[in-house]
Amino acid sequence: MPVRLKKLIGTFLLVALVSIYALVATIVAVAHLGQSSGWVHLAYFLFTGILWVLPAMWIIWWMEKPPREKNG
């Protein structure tokens, strides 16, 4: 796969990941943390704010991998 195409796909995947992840994290917080204290909110958003980095790192790693050499 050409490098430019991988980077284009990766960019769209990262934007989709961040958008969907933020939406889901917020919906879960509203549904389950409504009556919780501020410390619980802080811990939840700190945890979920860092958690999205793991799949993003995998996407960036995939984007930056050099293309395979063709044997033939």
N, C-alpha and C. Protein backbone atom coordinates (compact mmCIF):
# COMPACT_ATOMS: atom_id res chain seq x y z
N MET A 1 0.86 -1.17 0.00
CA MET A 1 0.00 0.00 0.00
C MET A 1 0.91 1.24 0.00
N PRO A 2 0.62 2.20 -0.85
CA PRO A 2 1.44 3.42 -0.88
C PRO A 2 1.37 4.18 0.45
N VAL A 3 2.48 4.83 0.78
CA VAL A 3 2.59 5.54 2.05
C VAL A 3 1.54 6.64 2.16
N ARG A 4 1.32 7.37 1.09
CA ARG A 4 0.34 8.47 1.14
C ARG A 4 -1.06 7.96 1.41
N LEU A 5 -1.41 6.81 0.83
CA LEU A 5 -2.74 6.24 1.07
C LEU A 5 -2.87 5.77 2.52
N LYS A 6 -1.81 5.15 3.06
CA LYS A 6 -1.85 4.73 4.46
C LYS A 6 -2.02 5.92 5.39
N LYS A 7 -1.34 7.01 5.11
CA LYS A 7 -1.46 8.19 5.96
C LYS A 7 -2.84 8.82 5.86
N LEU A 8 -3.42 8.81 4.67
CA LEU A 8 -4.78 9.34 4.50
C LEU A 8 -5.78 8.50 5.29
N ILE A 9 -5.69 7.18 5.13
CA ILE A 9 -6.59 6.28 5.87
C ILE A 9 -6.38 6.44 7.37
N GLY A 10 -5.12 6.50 7.80
CA GLY A 10 -4.82 6.66 9.22
C GLY A 10 -5.36 7.96 9.79
N THR A 11 -5.28 9.02 9.01
CA THR A 11 -5.81 10.31 9.47
C THR A 11 -7.31 10.23 9.69
N PHE A 12 -8.03 9.64 8.74
CA PHE A 12 -9.47 9.49 8.91
C PHE A 12 -9.80 8.58 10.09
N LEU A 13 -9.00 7.51 10.28
CA LEU A 13 -9.23 6.63 11.41
C LEU A 13 -9.01 7.34 12.74
N LEU A 14 -7.97 8.17 12.82
CA LEU A 14 -7.71 8.91 14.06
C LEU A 14 -8.83 9.90 14.38
N VAL A 15 -9.30 10.60 13.37
CA VAL A 15 -10.40 11.56 13.59
C VAL A 15 -11.66 10.82 14.03
N ALA A 16 -11.95 9.69 13.39
CA ALA A 16 -13.12 8.91 13.77
C ALA A 16 -12.97 8.36 15.19
N LEU A 17 -11.78 7.85 15.51
CA LEU A 17 -11.52 7.31 16.85
C LEU A 17 -11.76 8.36 17.92
N VAL A 18 -11.17 9.53 17.75
CA VAL A 18 -11.30 10.57 18.77
C VAL A 18 -12.75 11.04 18.89
N SER A 19 -13.43 11.19 17.78
CA SER A 19 -14.83 11.65 17.81
C SER A 19 -15.74 10.64 18.50
N ILE A 20 -15.65 9.40 18.08
CA ILE A 20 -16.52 8.36 18.65
C ILE A 20 -16.17 8.10 20.10
N TYR A 21 -14.88 8.06 20.41
CA TYR A 21 -14.45 7.79 21.78
C TYR A 21 -14.92 8.89 22.73
N ALA A 22 -14.79 10.14 22.32
CA ALA A 22 -15.23 11.25 23.17
C ALA A 22 -16.74 11.20 23.38
N LEU A 23 -17.48 10.88 22.34
CA LEU A 23 -18.93 10.79 22.45
C LEU A 23 -19.33 9.67 23.41
N VAL A 24 -18.73 8.50 23.25
CA VAL A 24 -19.07 7.36 24.11
C VAL A 24 -18.66 7.63 25.57
N ALA A 25 -17.48 8.18 25.77
CA ALA A 25 -17.02 8.48 27.14
C ALA A 25 -17.94 9.48 27.82
N THR A 26 -18.41 10.48 27.08
CA THR A 26 -19.31 11.47 27.65
C THR A 26 -20.68 10.87 27.95
N ILE A 27 -21.20 10.03 27.06
CA ILE A 27 -22.49 9.39 27.29
C ILE A 27 -22.44 8.50 28.52
N VAL A 28 -21.36 7.74 28.67
CA VAL A 28 -21.21 6.88 29.85
C VAL A 28 -21.14 7.72 31.11
N ALA A 29 -20.40 8.82 31.06
CA ALA A 29 -20.29 9.69 32.24
C ALA A 29 -21.64 10.28 32.62
N VAL A 30 -22.39 10.74 31.66
CA VAL A 30 -23.70 11.33 31.95
C VAL A 30 -24.66 10.28 32.50
N ALA A 31 -24.59 9.07 31.96
CA ALA A 31 -25.52 8.02 32.37
C ALA A 31 -25.19 7.45 33.75
N HIS A 32 -23.91 7.40 34.10
CA HIS A 32 -23.55 6.68 35.33
C HIS A 32 -22.93 7.54 36.42
N LEU A 33 -22.50 8.75 36.11
CA LEU A 33 -21.79 9.55 37.10
C LEU A 33 -22.56 10.80 37.53
N GLY A 34 -23.84 10.84 37.27
CA GLY A 34 -24.61 12.03 37.56
C GLY A 34 -24.59 12.46 39.01
N GLN A 35 -24.66 11.53 39.93
CA GLN A 35 -24.72 11.86 41.36
C GLN A 35 -23.38 11.66 42.07
N SER A 36 -22.32 11.42 41.30
CA SER A 36 -21.00 11.17 41.91
C SER A 36 -20.32 12.48 42.27
N SER A 37 -19.30 12.35 43.11
CA SER A 37 -18.56 13.54 43.54
C SER A 37 -17.61 14.02 42.44
N GLY A 38 -17.06 15.18 42.66
CA GLY A 38 -16.13 15.75 41.69
C GLY A 38 -14.87 14.91 41.53
N TRP A 39 -14.45 14.24 42.61
CA TRP A 39 -13.25 13.40 42.54
C TRP A 39 -13.48 12.19 41.64
N VAL A 40 -14.68 11.64 41.67
CA VAL A 40 -14.99 10.51 40.78
C VAL A 40 -15.00 10.98 39.33
N HIS A 41 -15.55 12.13 39.09
CA HIS A 41 -15.55 12.70 37.73
C HIS A 41 -14.12 12.94 37.26
N LEU A 42 -13.30 13.51 38.14
CA LEU A 42 -11.91 13.77 37.80
C LEU A 42 -11.18 12.48 37.46
N ALA A 43 -11.34 11.45 38.28
CA ALA A 43 -10.68 10.17 38.03
C ALA A 43 -11.18 9.54 36.73
N TYR A 44 -12.49 9.58 36.50
CA TYR A 44 -13.05 8.99 35.28
C TYR A 44 -12.51 9.69 34.04
N PHE A 45 -12.56 11.01 34.02
CA PHE A 45 -12.12 11.72 32.82
C PHE A 45 -10.61 11.69 32.66
N LEU A 46 -9.87 11.58 33.74
CA LEU A 46 -8.43 11.40 33.64
C LEU A 46 -8.11 10.05 33.01
N PHE A 47 -8.78 9.00 33.48
CA PHE A 47 -8.58 7.66 32.95
C PHE A 47 -9.00 7.57 31.49
N THR A 48 -10.21 8.04 31.18
CA THR A 48 -10.68 7.94 29.80
C THR A 48 -9.94 8.90 28.88
N GLY A 49 -9.42 9.98 29.43
CA GLY A 49 -8.64 10.91 28.61
C GLY A 49 -7.30 10.35 28.19
N ILE A 50 -6.78 9.41 28.97
CA ILE A 50 -5.51 8.77 28.62
C ILE A 50 -5.73 7.48 27.83
N LEU A 51 -6.83 6.82 28.04
CA LEU A 51 -7.08 5.50 27.45
C LEU A 51 -7.14 5.53 25.92
N TRP A 52 -7.62 6.60 25.32
CA TRP A 52 -7.74 6.65 23.86
C TRP A 52 -6.38 6.64 23.17
N VAL A 53 -5.32 6.93 23.92
CA VAL A 53 -3.99 7.00 23.33
C VAL A 53 -3.53 5.63 22.83
N LEU A 54 -3.95 4.55 23.49
CA LEU A 54 -3.50 3.22 23.09
C LEU A 54 -3.92 2.85 21.67
N PRO A 55 -5.20 2.96 21.30
CA PRO A 55 -5.53 2.66 19.91
C PRO A 55 -4.95 3.69 18.93
N ALA A 56 -4.80 4.93 19.38
CA ALA A 56 -4.21 5.94 18.51
C ALA A 56 -2.75 5.62 18.23
N MET A 57 -2.03 5.13 19.23
CA MET A 57 -0.64 4.73 19.02
C MET A 57 -0.54 3.60 18.00
N TRP A 58 -1.46 2.65 18.07
CA TRP A 58 -1.44 1.55 17.12
C TRP A 58 -1.69 2.07 15.71
N ILE A 59 -2.63 2.99 15.52
CA ILE A 59 -2.91 3.54 14.19
C ILE A 59 -1.70 4.30 13.67
N ILE A 60 -1.06 5.09 14.51
CA ILE A 60 0.11 5.85 14.08
C ILE A 60 1.26 4.90 13.75
N TRP A 61 1.43 3.85 14.55
CA TRP A 61 2.47 2.86 14.26
C TRP A 61 2.22 2.22 12.89
N TRP A 62 0.97 1.87 12.59
CA TRP A 62 0.62 1.28 11.30
C TRP A 62 0.89 2.27 10.16
N MET A 63 0.55 3.53 10.39
CA MET A 63 0.77 4.54 9.34
C MET A 63 2.26 4.71 9.03
N GLU A 64 3.11 4.63 10.04
CA GLU A 64 4.53 4.91 9.87
C GLU A 64 5.36 3.70 9.44
N LYS A 65 4.76 2.50 9.43
CA LYS A 65 5.50 1.33 9.01
C LYS A 65 5.93 1.49 7.55
N PRO A 66 7.18 1.15 7.25
CA PRO A 66 7.59 1.24 5.84
C PRO A 66 6.87 0.18 5.01
N PRO A 67 6.65 0.47 3.75
CA PRO A 67 5.97 -0.51 2.90
C PRO A 67 6.84 -1.77 2.73
N ARG A 68 6.17 -2.87 2.53
CA ARG A 68 6.88 -4.14 2.31
C ARG A 68 7.57 -4.11 0.95
N GLU A 69 8.72 -4.73 0.91
CA GLU A 69 9.41 -4.84 -0.37
C GLU A 69 8.82 -5.98 -1.17
N LYS A 70 8.68 -5.77 -2.45
CA LYS A 70 8.14 -6.79 -3.33
C LYS A 70 9.27 -7.73 -3.75
N ASN A 71 9.07 -9.01 -3.53
CA ASN A 71 10.04 -10.01 -3.96
C ASN A 71 9.60 -10.54 -5.30
N GLY A 72 10.41 -10.38 -6.27
CA GLY A 72 9.97 -10.93 -7.55
C GLY A 72 10.73 -10.47 -8.65
